[in-house]
Each structure stands twice: as C-alpha cells, then as structure tokens.
Amino acid sequence: MERPIDVLTGAKGKRVLIQLKRGTEISGILHAMDLHLNMWLEDAEQIEEDKKTKLGTILVRGDNILFVSPEKTE
C-alpha cells in the first residue's frame, strides 16, 4: 500500500498544484521535497482566478501548505 509521501515522491519531475492555508494556489514542477513537506518547485506560477503570475524557482514551506495535488496521469 502506498503512503501519501510515496505518491508525492512519485510526482517528482511532474506538475503539482499546491493550495496554501491563506487560499493562494501555486502550480509548478516538483523538483524536491523533504519530510516536512517543504517543496522546491521549478517553473512555478501563482494562480488567481483568470490570472497567472510567473514565479520561477521557489521553495514553499511545508507548514503553509493546506494540500498538494499531483497531476493526473492517464
């Protein structure tokens, strides 16, 4: 059985959607993460309604994250 951390580990190199506690959504390619769910994203962008703001390479601190959703694989 897979643990949630295993699912995120499998998402490295793929696009993920992160929702922060204050409501901000960030999308980016997951480069690395640690057990505290600090996440290093490449090609990141902040999503607000119909507007996307390019952020580039960022580190999102794990205690600010409400949820993470890996991209769907079909």
N, C-alpha and C. Protein backbone atom coordinates (compact mmCIF):
# COMPACT_ATOMS: atom_id res chain seq x y z
N MET A 1 0.85 -1.18 0.00
CA MET A 1 0.00 0.00 0.00
C MET A 1 0.89 1.24 0.00
N GLU A 2 0.51 2.21 -0.83
CA GLU A 2 1.27 3.44 -0.91
C GLU A 2 0.88 4.41 0.20
N ARG A 3 1.88 5.08 0.73
CA ARG A 3 1.64 6.14 1.70
C ARG A 3 1.54 7.46 0.94
N PRO A 4 0.93 8.48 1.52
CA PRO A 4 0.85 9.78 0.83
C PRO A 4 2.21 10.32 0.42
N ILE A 5 3.22 10.13 1.25
CA ILE A 5 4.56 10.63 0.92
C ILE A 5 5.11 9.90 -0.30
N ASP A 6 4.73 8.62 -0.48
CA ASP A 6 5.17 7.86 -1.66
C ASP A 6 4.54 8.42 -2.94
N VAL A 7 3.30 8.85 -2.85
CA VAL A 7 2.63 9.45 -4.01
C VAL A 7 3.34 10.73 -4.41
N LEU A 8 3.70 11.55 -3.44
CA LEU A 8 4.41 12.79 -3.75
C LEU A 8 5.82 12.52 -4.28
N THR A 9 6.48 11.52 -3.73
CA THR A 9 7.80 11.16 -4.23
C THR A 9 7.71 10.75 -5.70
N GLY A 10 6.65 10.02 -6.04
CA GLY A 10 6.42 9.62 -7.42
C GLY A 10 6.07 10.78 -8.34
N ALA A 11 5.69 11.90 -7.78
CA ALA A 11 5.32 13.08 -8.57
C ALA A 11 6.51 13.97 -8.88
N LYS A 12 7.70 13.62 -8.41
CA LYS A 12 8.88 14.44 -8.71
C LYS A 12 9.09 14.50 -10.22
N GLY A 13 9.35 15.68 -10.71
CA GLY A 13 9.52 15.90 -12.14
C GLY A 13 8.21 16.17 -12.86
N LYS A 14 7.10 16.16 -12.13
CA LYS A 14 5.78 16.41 -12.70
C LYS A 14 5.17 17.66 -12.08
N ARG A 15 4.17 18.18 -12.74
CA ARG A 15 3.49 19.38 -12.25
C ARG A 15 2.56 19.02 -11.09
N VAL A 16 2.58 19.85 -10.05
CA VAL A 16 1.69 19.68 -8.90
C VAL A 16 0.96 21.00 -8.65
N LEU A 17 -0.17 20.89 -8.00
CA LEU A 17 -0.94 22.07 -7.59
C LEU A 17 -0.90 22.12 -6.07
N ILE A 18 -0.51 23.26 -5.53
CA ILE A 18 -0.43 23.44 -4.08
C ILE A 18 -1.40 24.53 -3.66
N GLN A 19 -2.20 24.26 -2.65
CA GLN A 19 -3.06 25.28 -2.06
C GLN A 19 -2.48 25.63 -0.70
N LEU A 20 -2.22 26.91 -0.49
CA LEU A 20 -1.69 27.38 0.79
C LEU A 20 -2.83 27.69 1.74
N LYS A 21 -2.52 27.74 3.03
CA LYS A 21 -3.54 27.99 4.06
C LYS A 21 -4.29 29.28 3.85
N ARG A 22 -3.64 30.31 3.31
CA ARG A 22 -4.32 31.60 3.12
C ARG A 22 -5.12 31.65 1.82
N GLY A 23 -5.17 30.51 1.06
CA GLY A 23 -6.01 30.43 -0.13
C GLY A 23 -5.27 30.56 -1.44
N THR A 24 -4.00 30.92 -1.42
CA THR A 24 -3.22 31.05 -2.64
C THR A 24 -2.98 29.68 -3.28
N GLU A 25 -3.08 29.62 -4.60
CA GLU A 25 -2.78 28.39 -5.33
C GLU A 25 -1.51 28.59 -6.14
N ILE A 26 -0.62 27.60 -6.07
CA ILE A 26 0.63 27.63 -6.81
C ILE A 26 0.76 26.33 -7.58
N SER A 27 1.14 26.44 -8.85
CA SER A 27 1.37 25.29 -9.70
C SER A 27 2.83 25.31 -10.12
N GLY A 28 3.46 24.14 -10.14
CA GLY A 28 4.85 24.07 -10.57
C GLY A 28 5.32 22.64 -10.68
N ILE A 29 6.52 22.47 -11.22
CA ILE A 29 7.11 21.15 -11.37
C ILE A 29 7.88 20.83 -10.09
N LEU A 30 7.51 19.74 -9.44
CA LEU A 30 8.12 19.34 -8.17
C LEU A 30 9.53 18.83 -8.43
N HIS A 31 10.50 19.55 -7.90
CA HIS A 31 11.90 19.17 -8.07
C HIS A 31 12.39 18.33 -6.88
N ALA A 32 12.03 18.77 -5.67
CA ALA A 32 12.46 18.05 -4.46
C ALA A 32 11.53 18.42 -3.32
N MET A 33 11.56 17.57 -2.27
CA MET A 33 10.79 17.84 -1.06
C MET A 33 11.43 17.08 0.09
N ASP A 34 11.04 17.44 1.31
CA ASP A 34 11.56 16.73 2.48
C ASP A 34 10.39 16.22 3.32
N LEU A 35 10.70 15.63 4.45
CA LEU A 35 9.64 15.05 5.29
C LEU A 35 8.74 16.09 5.94
N HIS A 36 9.17 17.37 5.95
CA HIS A 36 8.34 18.45 6.49
C HIS A 36 7.42 19.02 5.40
N LEU A 37 7.47 18.42 4.21
CA LEU A 37 6.73 18.84 3.03
C LEU A 37 7.15 20.22 2.52
N ASN A 38 8.37 20.65 2.86
CA ASN A 38 8.95 21.80 2.17
C ASN A 38 9.14 21.37 0.73
N MET A 39 8.70 22.18 -0.22
CA MET A 39 8.73 21.78 -1.63
C MET A 39 9.47 22.79 -2.48
N TRP A 40 10.39 22.26 -3.29
CA TRP A 40 11.14 23.05 -4.25
C TRP A 40 10.44 22.87 -5.60
N LEU A 41 9.93 23.98 -6.14
CA LEU A 41 9.22 23.94 -7.42
C LEU A 41 9.98 24.72 -8.48
N GLU A 42 10.02 24.18 -9.67
CA GLU A 42 10.57 24.86 -10.84
C GLU A 42 9.40 25.32 -11.70
N ASP A 43 9.61 26.37 -12.48
CA ASP A 43 8.59 26.87 -13.41
C ASP A 43 7.26 27.11 -12.69
N ALA A 44 7.34 27.66 -11.48
CA ALA A 44 6.15 27.87 -10.66
C ALA A 44 5.38 29.11 -11.10
N GLU A 45 4.07 29.05 -10.89
CA GLU A 45 3.22 30.20 -11.14
C GLU A 45 2.10 30.25 -10.12
N GLN A 46 1.76 31.47 -9.72
CA GLN A 46 0.65 31.69 -8.79
C GLN A 46 -0.62 31.85 -9.61
N ILE A 47 -1.67 31.16 -9.20
CA ILE A 47 -2.92 31.17 -9.96
C ILE A 47 -3.98 31.94 -9.17
N GLU A 48 -4.53 32.99 -9.79
CA GLU A 48 -5.59 33.78 -9.18
C GLU A 48 -6.69 33.98 -10.23
N GLU A 49 -7.82 33.33 -10.04
CA GLU A 49 -8.95 33.38 -10.97
C GLU A 49 -8.46 33.17 -12.39
N ASP A 50 -8.47 34.19 -13.26
CA ASP A 50 -8.05 34.04 -14.65
C ASP A 50 -6.63 34.53 -14.88
N LYS A 51 -5.90 34.86 -13.82
CA LYS A 51 -4.57 35.45 -13.95
C LYS A 51 -3.51 34.50 -13.40
N LYS A 52 -2.42 34.34 -14.16
CA LYS A 52 -1.28 33.54 -13.70
C LYS A 52 -0.06 34.43 -13.63
N THR A 53 0.64 34.39 -12.50
CA THR A 53 1.85 35.17 -12.31
C THR A 53 3.03 34.22 -12.22
N LYS A 54 4.00 34.39 -13.12
CA LYS A 54 5.19 33.53 -13.13
C LYS A 54 6.06 33.84 -11.91
N LEU A 55 6.47 32.77 -11.21
CA LEU A 55 7.31 32.91 -10.02
C LEU A 55 8.70 32.31 -10.24
N GLY A 56 8.85 31.42 -11.21
CA GLY A 56 10.13 30.78 -11.48
C GLY A 56 10.40 29.66 -10.48
N THR A 57 11.61 29.65 -9.93
CA THR A 57 12.01 28.63 -8.96
C THR A 57 11.70 29.13 -7.55
N ILE A 58 10.95 28.33 -6.79
CA ILE A 58 10.57 28.75 -5.43
C ILE A 58 10.67 27.58 -4.46
N LEU A 59 10.74 27.92 -3.19
CA LEU A 59 10.65 26.95 -2.10
C LEU A 59 9.41 27.30 -1.31
N VAL A 60 8.50 26.33 -1.18
CA VAL A 60 7.28 26.52 -0.40
C VAL A 60 7.46 25.80 0.93
N ARG A 61 7.32 26.53 2.01
CA ARG A 61 7.49 25.95 3.34
C ARG A 61 6.30 25.04 3.67
N GLY A 62 6.59 23.84 4.12
CA GLY A 62 5.58 22.82 4.35
C GLY A 62 4.47 23.20 5.31
N ASP A 63 4.76 24.00 6.33
CA ASP A 63 3.70 24.32 7.30
C ASP A 63 2.72 25.36 6.77
N ASN A 64 2.94 25.88 5.55
CA ASN A 64 1.99 26.79 4.91
C ASN A 64 1.05 26.07 3.96
N ILE A 65 1.28 24.77 3.74
CA ILE A 65 0.54 24.02 2.73
C ILE A 65 -0.73 23.41 3.33
N LEU A 66 -1.85 23.65 2.64
CA LEU A 66 -3.12 23.02 3.01
C LEU A 66 -3.26 21.68 2.30
N PHE A 67 -3.01 21.66 0.98
CA PHE A 67 -2.98 20.38 0.26
C PHE A 67 -2.10 20.48 -0.98
N VAL A 68 -1.69 19.30 -1.46
CA VAL A 68 -0.90 19.16 -2.70
C VAL A 68 -1.59 18.14 -3.57
N SER A 69 -1.73 18.44 -4.84
CA SER A 69 -2.36 17.51 -5.78
C SER A 69 -1.42 17.27 -6.95
N PRO A 70 -0.92 16.04 -7.10
CA PRO A 70 -0.10 15.72 -8.27
C PRO A 70 -0.96 15.76 -9.54
N GLU A 71 -0.31 15.99 -10.69
CA GLU A 71 -1.06 16.00 -11.95
C GLU A 71 -1.65 14.63 -12.21
N LYS A 72 -2.72 14.60 -12.94
CA LYS A 72 -3.38 13.33 -13.27
C LYS A 72 -2.58 12.63 -14.36
N THR A 73 -2.41 11.33 -14.22
CA THR A 73 -1.78 10.53 -15.26
C THR A 73 -2.84 9.65 -15.88
N GLU A 74 -2.92 9.69 -17.20
CA GLU A 74 -3.96 8.92 -17.88
C GLU A 74 -3.34 7.92 -18.80
